[in-house]
Amino acid sequence: MTTMAQLMQRTYVTDPRVGGLESTEITTAEHTLGIALPVGYATWMETWGPGEFEHFVSLRAPEDLLRGGIDATSQLQGRGFFENHAANTGKDALVIASSHDGDQLLCLPRLPGRLFYVPRHENQVIECRNDLVSGLTTMIAKTDGILPPRPVFVPEQPNFERQFMVPRTPQRFERVCAALCERLAHDYLHEIQEDDYQAFHLYSRRFFGWVICHQDEDYVQVAIEGPAYQIDHLAPILNCLKATGLMDEPVPPTPTEQAEHARIVYVTHNYHYLVSGRYRDISLSREQPSASQKQLYAALMRDFSDRIVFNPCPVCDKQRRTPRARQCLNCGART
């Protein structure tokens, strides 16, 4: 049986500088909720905080749990769960973790001392020990088979993502992988080989991000992700992809596009919340964007324009730090 100490020792953390939470946040959550959170949860949160495990399972922070539980009755119905438990057992359920597929790892205050894994695509509920390692292992095992020898954890922070996709051609996947390994310094390499699927994960602390290259029956795709504030560190990766013929030089923006970019001066930490839908605005500051940042902002304007709130200063007409700020950071005027 894997312990939390063993799991954390072998886990690769993409950006260890992010750091964890204060222990008081966990104890306050337990006191307010009136329930002991899973064994190992406090250790994980105090060391690394919330984030994404194996690019698949999202671990929730104590503040998310304090926002209130969910009524998980509908998720538990039709799975044989209520044959052994009362119908109100699913109320006030806490979602400790959830997967991209909609699977949930629940803590039920009316059944303390246990965790319950509820897979979205299966009509069952799997009871786990009240141990975060047990819950994570169950979630990964039910989807991808087994927990890899060196799992990856991405701490919660604003990340950018760029993707490139081309039709599959002979040797392209192998060529891209070989070029990336040869030309890019990396700390960890993980390869996946299946019958009709190949994937290649390269992790680098040059920009605290990662590159994932995979191919299916029709396409080769490369995704680059990393902390949003390090988007300017992509030049070596982009140059490598250009050399393999995977991408072309971006088209320069038109004068109209340049004028639009000038209004979007810089996206700060709330970019993450914009994408996940937790807030209806993004933060802005005075900094001038780089060429790569302008491409990111163009995508934001295209995909999230209905959520972006501009807050220009009525005196100098420049953007203030946040959409609801009352004092301009450029000229100091108050409104």
Protein backbone atom coordinates (compact mmCIF):
# COMPACT_ATOMS: atom_id res chain seq x y z
CA MET A 1 0.00 0.00 0.00
CA THR A 2 1.44 3.35 -1.07
CA THR A 3 1.65 5.99 1.63
CA MET A 4 1.29 9.73 1.08
CA ALA A 5 5.01 10.23 1.79
CA GLN A 6 5.92 7.66 -0.86
CA LEU A 7 3.56 9.14 -3.44
CA MET A 8 4.82 12.68 -2.89
CA GLN A 9 8.43 11.60 -3.03
CA ARG A 10 8.09 10.14 -6.51
CA THR A 11 5.69 12.75 -7.93
CA TYR A 12 7.08 15.26 -10.43
CA VAL A 13 5.82 18.78 -9.70
CA THR A 14 5.94 21.05 -12.73
CA ASP A 15 6.45 24.24 -10.70
CA PRO A 16 7.60 23.53 -7.12
CA ARG A 17 7.97 27.27 -6.45
CA VAL A 18 4.20 27.74 -6.19
CA GLY A 19 4.17 26.38 -2.65
CA GLY A 20 1.37 25.10 -0.50
CA LEU A 21 -1.28 26.53 1.80
CA GLU A 22 -1.15 27.53 5.44
CA SER A 23 -2.06 24.73 7.83
CA THR A 24 -4.69 26.99 9.37
CA GLU A 25 -6.67 26.89 6.12
CA ILE A 26 -7.10 23.13 6.44
CA THR A 27 -7.89 23.14 10.17
CA THR A 28 -10.36 26.00 9.71
CA ALA A 29 -12.10 24.07 6.93
CA GLU A 30 -12.35 20.93 9.08
CA HIS A 31 -13.69 22.92 12.04
CA THR A 32 -16.26 24.77 9.92
CA LEU A 33 -17.38 21.66 8.06
CA GLY A 34 -17.41 19.55 11.22
CA ILE A 35 -15.65 16.64 9.54
CA ALA A 36 -12.11 15.30 9.29
CA LEU A 37 -10.79 15.63 5.76
CA PRO A 38 -9.09 12.57 4.20
CA VAL A 39 -5.79 11.36 5.60
CA GLY A 40 -2.96 12.94 3.62
CA TYR A 41 -5.08 15.81 2.34
CA ALA A 42 -3.52 18.31 4.76
CA THR A 43 0.01 17.17 3.91
CA TRP A 44 -0.64 17.55 0.18
CA MET A 45 -2.25 20.98 0.51
CA GLU A 46 0.40 22.33 2.87
CA THR A 47 3.17 21.16 0.52
CA TRP A 48 1.79 21.84 -2.97
CA GLY A 49 -1.73 23.18 -2.69
CA PRO A 50 -4.58 22.43 -5.10
CA GLY A 51 -3.96 21.52 -8.73
CA GLU A 52 -4.15 18.82 -11.36
CA PHE A 53 -2.85 15.29 -10.82
CA GLU A 54 -1.75 13.33 -13.90
CA HIS A 55 -3.34 15.98 -16.18
CA PHE A 56 -6.67 14.38 -15.31
CA VAL A 57 -7.76 14.73 -11.67
CA SER A 58 -8.29 18.16 -10.09
CA LEU A 59 -7.74 18.40 -6.33
CA ARG A 60 -9.92 21.00 -4.64
CA ALA A 61 -8.64 23.53 -2.12
CA PRO A 62 -10.14 23.97 1.38
CA GLU A 63 -11.70 27.28 0.32
CA ASP A 64 -13.58 25.45 -2.43
CA LEU A 65 -14.92 22.97 0.12
CA LEU A 66 -16.01 25.82 2.37
CA ARG A 67 -18.16 27.30 -0.40
CA GLY A 68 -20.59 24.52 0.34
CA GLY A 69 -21.27 20.91 -0.49
CA ILE A 70 -23.40 19.60 -3.31
CA ASP A 71 -26.49 17.45 -3.30
CA ALA A 72 -24.99 14.29 -4.81
CA THR A 73 -28.26 12.36 -4.67
CA SER A 74 -28.66 12.34 -8.45
CA GLN A 75 -25.07 11.14 -8.91
CA LEU A 76 -25.62 8.27 -6.47
CA GLN A 77 -29.02 7.14 -7.77
CA GLY A 78 -29.23 4.10 -10.01
CA ARG A 79 -25.94 2.70 -8.71
CA GLY A 80 -27.24 0.51 -5.88
CA PHE A 81 -25.96 2.96 -3.29
CA PHE A 82 -29.30 3.71 -1.64
CA GLU A 83 -29.98 0.02 -1.11
CA ASN A 84 -27.60 0.27 1.85
CA HIS A 85 -27.84 3.96 2.79
CA ALA A 86 -30.59 6.48 3.43
CA ALA A 87 -31.78 8.71 0.62
CA ASN A 88 -30.49 11.88 2.30
CA THR A 89 -26.94 10.53 2.56
CA GLY A 90 -25.91 12.30 -0.61
CA LYS A 91 -26.79 15.77 0.64
CA ASP A 92 -23.98 18.21 1.56
CA ALA A 93 -21.42 16.02 -0.20
CA LEU A 94 -17.92 17.46 -0.53
CA VAL A 95 -16.12 17.02 -3.86
CA ILE A 96 -12.52 16.33 -2.82
CA ALA A 97 -11.41 15.72 -6.41
CA SER A 98 -12.94 15.46 -9.86
CA SER A 99 -11.71 14.25 -13.23
CA HIS A 100 -11.95 15.72 -16.71
CA ASP A 101 -14.49 13.00 -17.52
CA GLY A 102 -16.82 14.08 -14.72
CA ASP A 103 -15.83 11.39 -12.20
CA GLN A 104 -15.99 12.53 -8.58
CA LEU A 105 -14.29 11.61 -5.33
CA LEU A 106 -16.82 12.44 -2.62
CA CYS A 107 -16.69 12.87 1.11
CA LEU A 108 -20.16 12.33 2.61
CA PRO A 109 -20.47 14.05 6.03
CA ARG A 110 -23.35 11.71 6.90
CA LEU A 111 -20.98 8.76 6.36
CA PRO A 112 -17.71 10.04 7.87
CA GLY A 113 -14.43 8.18 7.75
CA ARG A 114 -14.77 7.05 4.12
CA LEU A 115 -14.38 8.31 0.57
CA PHE A 116 -16.64 7.40 -2.34
CA TYR A 117 -15.54 7.30 -5.95
CA VAL A 118 -18.42 7.92 -8.36
CA PRO A 119 -17.40 7.21 -11.97
CA ARG A 120 -19.51 9.10 -14.46
CA HIS A 121 -19.73 6.30 -17.03
CA GLU A 122 -20.33 3.36 -14.69
CA ASN A 123 -23.38 2.49 -12.59
CA GLN A 124 -21.52 1.89 -9.35
CA VAL A 125 -20.08 3.62 -6.32
CA ILE A 126 -16.68 2.48 -5.09
CA GLU A 127 -15.99 2.92 -1.39
CA CYS A 128 -12.39 3.86 -0.52
CA ARG A 129 -10.49 4.32 2.70
CA ASN A 130 -10.55 7.84 4.11
CA ASP A 131 -7.14 8.35 2.54
CA LEU A 132 -6.31 10.71 -0.32
CA VAL A 133 -3.79 8.28 -1.82
CA SER A 134 -6.42 5.55 -1.93
CA GLY A 135 -8.88 7.90 -3.62
CA LEU A 136 -6.40 9.16 -6.23
CA THR A 137 -5.17 5.65 -6.98
CA THR A 138 -8.73 4.43 -7.48
CA MET A 139 -9.59 7.31 -9.82
CA ILE A 140 -6.51 6.81 -11.99
CA ALA A 141 -6.77 3.01 -11.98
CA LYS A 142 -10.39 3.07 -13.17
CA THR A 143 -9.51 5.27 -16.13
CA ASP A 144 -5.93 4.71 -17.23
CA GLY A 145 -5.04 1.40 -15.62
CA ILE A 146 -2.40 1.99 -12.94
CA LEU A 147 -0.70 4.88 -11.25
CA PRO A 148 2.54 5.52 -13.20
CA PRO A 149 5.90 5.17 -11.44
CA ARG A 150 6.39 8.95 -11.61
CA PRO A 151 3.03 10.74 -11.68
CA VAL A 152 2.86 14.46 -12.52
CA PHE A 153 1.25 17.22 -10.50
CA VAL A 154 0.52 20.71 -11.87
CA PRO A 155 -0.07 23.24 -9.06
CA GLU A 156 -3.03 25.56 -9.50
CA GLN A 157 -1.85 28.71 -11.23
CA PRO A 158 -2.65 30.58 -14.44
CA ASN A 159 -1.38 28.55 -17.39
CA PHE A 160 -1.26 29.22 -21.09
CA GLU A 161 -1.73 26.58 -23.76
CA ARG A 162 -0.77 26.52 -27.42
CA GLN A 163 -1.70 23.66 -29.75
CA PHE A 164 -0.59 22.63 -33.22
CA MET A 165 -2.22 19.89 -35.26
CA VAL A 166 -1.28 18.44 -38.65
CA PRO A 167 -2.49 15.43 -40.66
CA ARG A 168 -0.60 12.29 -39.80
CA THR A 169 2.23 11.44 -42.17
CA PRO A 170 4.88 8.70 -41.96
CA GLN A 171 7.68 9.43 -39.47
CA ARG A 172 6.34 12.84 -38.43
CA PHE A 173 5.56 11.79 -34.86
CA GLU A 174 8.94 10.11 -34.40
CA ARG A 175 10.70 13.06 -36.01
CA VAL A 176 9.02 15.62 -33.76
CA CYS A 177 9.76 13.59 -30.62
CA ALA A 178 13.40 13.07 -31.58
CA ALA A 179 13.87 16.76 -32.38
CA LEU A 180 12.33 17.88 -29.09
CA CYS A 181 14.49 15.49 -27.06
CA GLU A 182 17.64 16.53 -28.90
CA ARG A 183 17.17 20.29 -28.87
CA LEU A 184 15.33 20.97 -25.60
CA ALA A 185 16.72 20.54 -22.11
CA HIS A 186 14.24 18.53 -20.09
CA ASP A 187 13.95 17.10 -16.59
CA TYR A 188 11.51 14.27 -17.15
CA LEU A 189 10.35 12.26 -20.15
CA HIS A 190 7.31 10.00 -20.21
CA GLU A 191 6.29 7.87 -23.20
CA ILE A 192 2.97 6.07 -23.74
CA GLN A 193 2.61 3.25 -26.26
CA GLU A 194 -0.78 1.72 -27.01
CA ASP A 195 -2.29 -0.11 -29.97
CA ASP A 196 -3.61 2.92 -31.86
CA TYR A 197 -2.19 5.74 -29.77
CA GLN A 198 1.25 7.12 -29.02
CA ALA A 199 2.09 9.97 -26.69
CA PHE A 200 5.24 11.69 -25.59
CA HIS A 201 5.37 13.98 -22.53
CA LEU A 202 8.42 16.18 -22.06
CA TYR A 203 8.71 18.27 -18.89
CA SER A 204 11.13 21.15 -18.55
CA ARG A 205 11.98 23.50 -15.74
CA ARG A 206 13.44 25.97 -18.22
CA PHE A 207 9.97 27.49 -18.22
CA PHE A 208 8.28 25.26 -15.62
CA GLY A 209 5.99 23.80 -18.27
CA TRP A 210 5.66 20.79 -20.52
CA VAL A 211 5.20 19.63 -24.11
CA ILE A 212 2.84 16.81 -25.04
CA CYS A 213 3.02 15.26 -28.48
CA HIS A 214 0.58 12.52 -29.45
CA GLN A 215 -0.89 10.93 -32.52
CA ASP A 216 -4.02 8.96 -33.27
CA GLU A 217 -5.21 7.45 -36.54
CA ASP A 218 -5.46 10.78 -38.35
CA TYR A 219 -3.46 13.54 -36.67
CA VAL A 220 -0.26 14.47 -34.92
CA GLN A 221 -0.82 17.09 -32.25
CA VAL A 222 1.56 19.06 -30.05
CA ALA A 223 0.38 20.98 -26.99
CA ILE A 224 2.62 23.37 -25.06
CA GLU A 225 1.54 24.45 -21.60
CA GLY A 226 3.17 26.35 -18.78
CA PRO A 227 2.78 29.25 -16.35
CA ALA A 228 1.17 32.24 -18.04
CA TYR A 229 3.90 34.62 -16.90
CA GLN A 230 6.51 32.53 -18.75
CA ILE A 231 4.88 32.52 -22.16
CA ASP A 232 7.90 34.40 -23.54
CA HIS A 233 10.08 31.33 -22.86
CA LEU A 234 8.62 29.42 -25.80
CA ALA A 235 11.06 30.51 -28.52
CA PRO A 236 13.27 27.34 -28.41
CA ILE A 237 10.22 25.07 -28.56
CA LEU A 238 8.57 27.01 -31.39
CA ASN A 239 11.82 27.08 -33.35
CA CYS A 240 12.12 23.32 -32.93
CA LEU A 241 8.57 22.77 -34.17
CA LYS A 242 9.19 25.03 -37.16
CA ALA A 243 12.25 22.98 -38.03
CA THR A 244 10.12 19.81 -38.13
CA GLY A 245 7.54 21.48 -40.38
CA LEU A 246 4.82 21.34 -37.75
CA MET A 247 4.07 25.07 -37.75
CA ASP A 248 4.60 28.15 -39.89
CA GLU A 249 5.55 31.69 -38.97
CA PRO A 250 2.49 33.44 -37.49
CA VAL A 251 0.87 36.05 -39.73
CA PRO A 252 1.52 39.62 -38.46
CA PRO A 253 -1.61 41.31 -37.06
CA THR A 254 -3.49 43.78 -39.23
CA PRO A 255 -3.70 47.48 -38.17
CA THR A 256 -7.21 46.82 -36.86
CA GLU A 257 -5.98 43.87 -34.83
CA GLN A 258 -3.07 45.92 -33.50
CA ALA A 259 -5.48 48.61 -32.31
CA GLU A 260 -7.56 45.95 -30.54
CA HIS A 261 -4.45 44.44 -28.94
CA ALA A 262 -3.52 47.88 -27.58
CA ARG A 263 -6.65 47.82 -25.43
CA ILE A 264 -5.68 44.50 -23.86
CA VAL A 265 -2.56 45.43 -21.95
CA TYR A 266 -1.89 42.36 -19.81
CA VAL A 267 -3.80 39.39 -18.38
CA THR A 268 -2.86 38.56 -14.80
CA HIS A 269 -3.76 35.71 -12.43
CA ASN A 270 -7.52 35.84 -12.99
CA TYR A 271 -7.00 34.45 -16.50
CA HIS A 272 -7.28 30.99 -14.92
CA TYR A 273 -10.63 31.83 -13.40
CA LEU A 274 -11.85 33.32 -16.66
CA VAL A 275 -11.18 30.04 -18.48
CA SER A 276 -12.71 27.88 -15.75
CA GLY A 277 -15.74 30.13 -15.52
CA ARG A 278 -15.43 30.98 -11.83
CA TYR A 279 -15.46 34.74 -12.36
CA ARG A 280 -16.94 37.05 -14.97
CA ASP A 281 -13.92 39.31 -15.42
CA ILE A 282 -10.16 39.34 -15.87
CA SER A 283 -7.55 41.54 -14.27
CA LEU A 284 -5.60 44.06 -16.33
CA SER A 285 -2.44 46.06 -15.67
CA ARG A 286 -0.33 48.65 -17.44
CA GLU A 287 2.35 46.43 -19.00
CA GLN A 288 2.85 46.38 -22.75
CA PRO A 289 2.24 42.89 -24.22
CA SER A 290 4.80 40.95 -26.22
CA ALA A 291 4.04 39.39 -29.60
CA SER A 292 3.29 35.99 -28.07
CA GLN A 293 1.06 37.55 -25.42
CA LYS A 294 -0.88 39.38 -28.12
CA GLN A 295 -1.67 36.01 -29.71
CA LEU A 296 -2.99 34.80 -26.36
CA TYR A 297 -5.13 37.91 -25.95
CA ALA A 298 -6.53 37.52 -29.45
CA ALA A 299 -7.68 34.03 -28.49
CA LEU A 300 -9.19 35.39 -25.26
CA MET A 301 -11.09 38.06 -27.17
CA ARG A 302 -12.37 35.49 -29.62
CA ASP A 303 -13.45 32.89 -27.08
CA PHE A 304 -14.33 34.91 -23.96
CA SER A 305 -15.26 38.40 -25.16
CA ASP A 306 -18.60 38.22 -23.35
CA ARG A 307 -16.78 37.76 -20.04
CA ILE A 308 -14.13 40.47 -20.41
CA VAL A 309 -14.86 43.70 -18.57
CA PHE A 310 -12.80 46.79 -19.43
CA ASN A 311 -12.33 49.53 -16.85
CA PRO A 312 -10.63 52.53 -18.48
CA CYS A 313 -9.74 55.55 -16.35
CA PRO A 314 -12.01 58.51 -17.22
CA VAL A 315 -9.03 60.88 -16.77
CA CYS A 316 -6.17 59.24 -18.71
CA ASP A 317 -8.21 56.55 -20.53
CA LYS A 318 -5.78 53.79 -19.55
CA GLN A 319 -6.77 50.46 -18.03
CA ARG A 320 -6.78 50.11 -14.26
CA ARG A 321 -5.59 47.03 -12.39
CA THR A 322 -8.97 45.33 -12.04
CA PRO A 323 -12.38 45.90 -13.61
CA ARG A 324 -13.77 47.22 -10.32
CA ALA A 325 -10.77 49.33 -9.17
CA ARG A 326 -11.62 52.87 -8.07
CA GLN A 327 -8.10 54.34 -8.25
CA CYS A 328 -6.14 54.43 -11.48
CA LEU A 329 -2.65 52.94 -11.24
CA ASN A 330 -1.43 55.14 -14.10
CA CYS A 331 -2.38 58.67 -13.08
CA GLY A 332 -3.66 58.12 -9.53
CA ALA A 333 -7.09 59.61 -10.18
CA ARG A 334 -9.95 58.34 -8.00
CA THR A 335 -13.57 57.95 -9.11
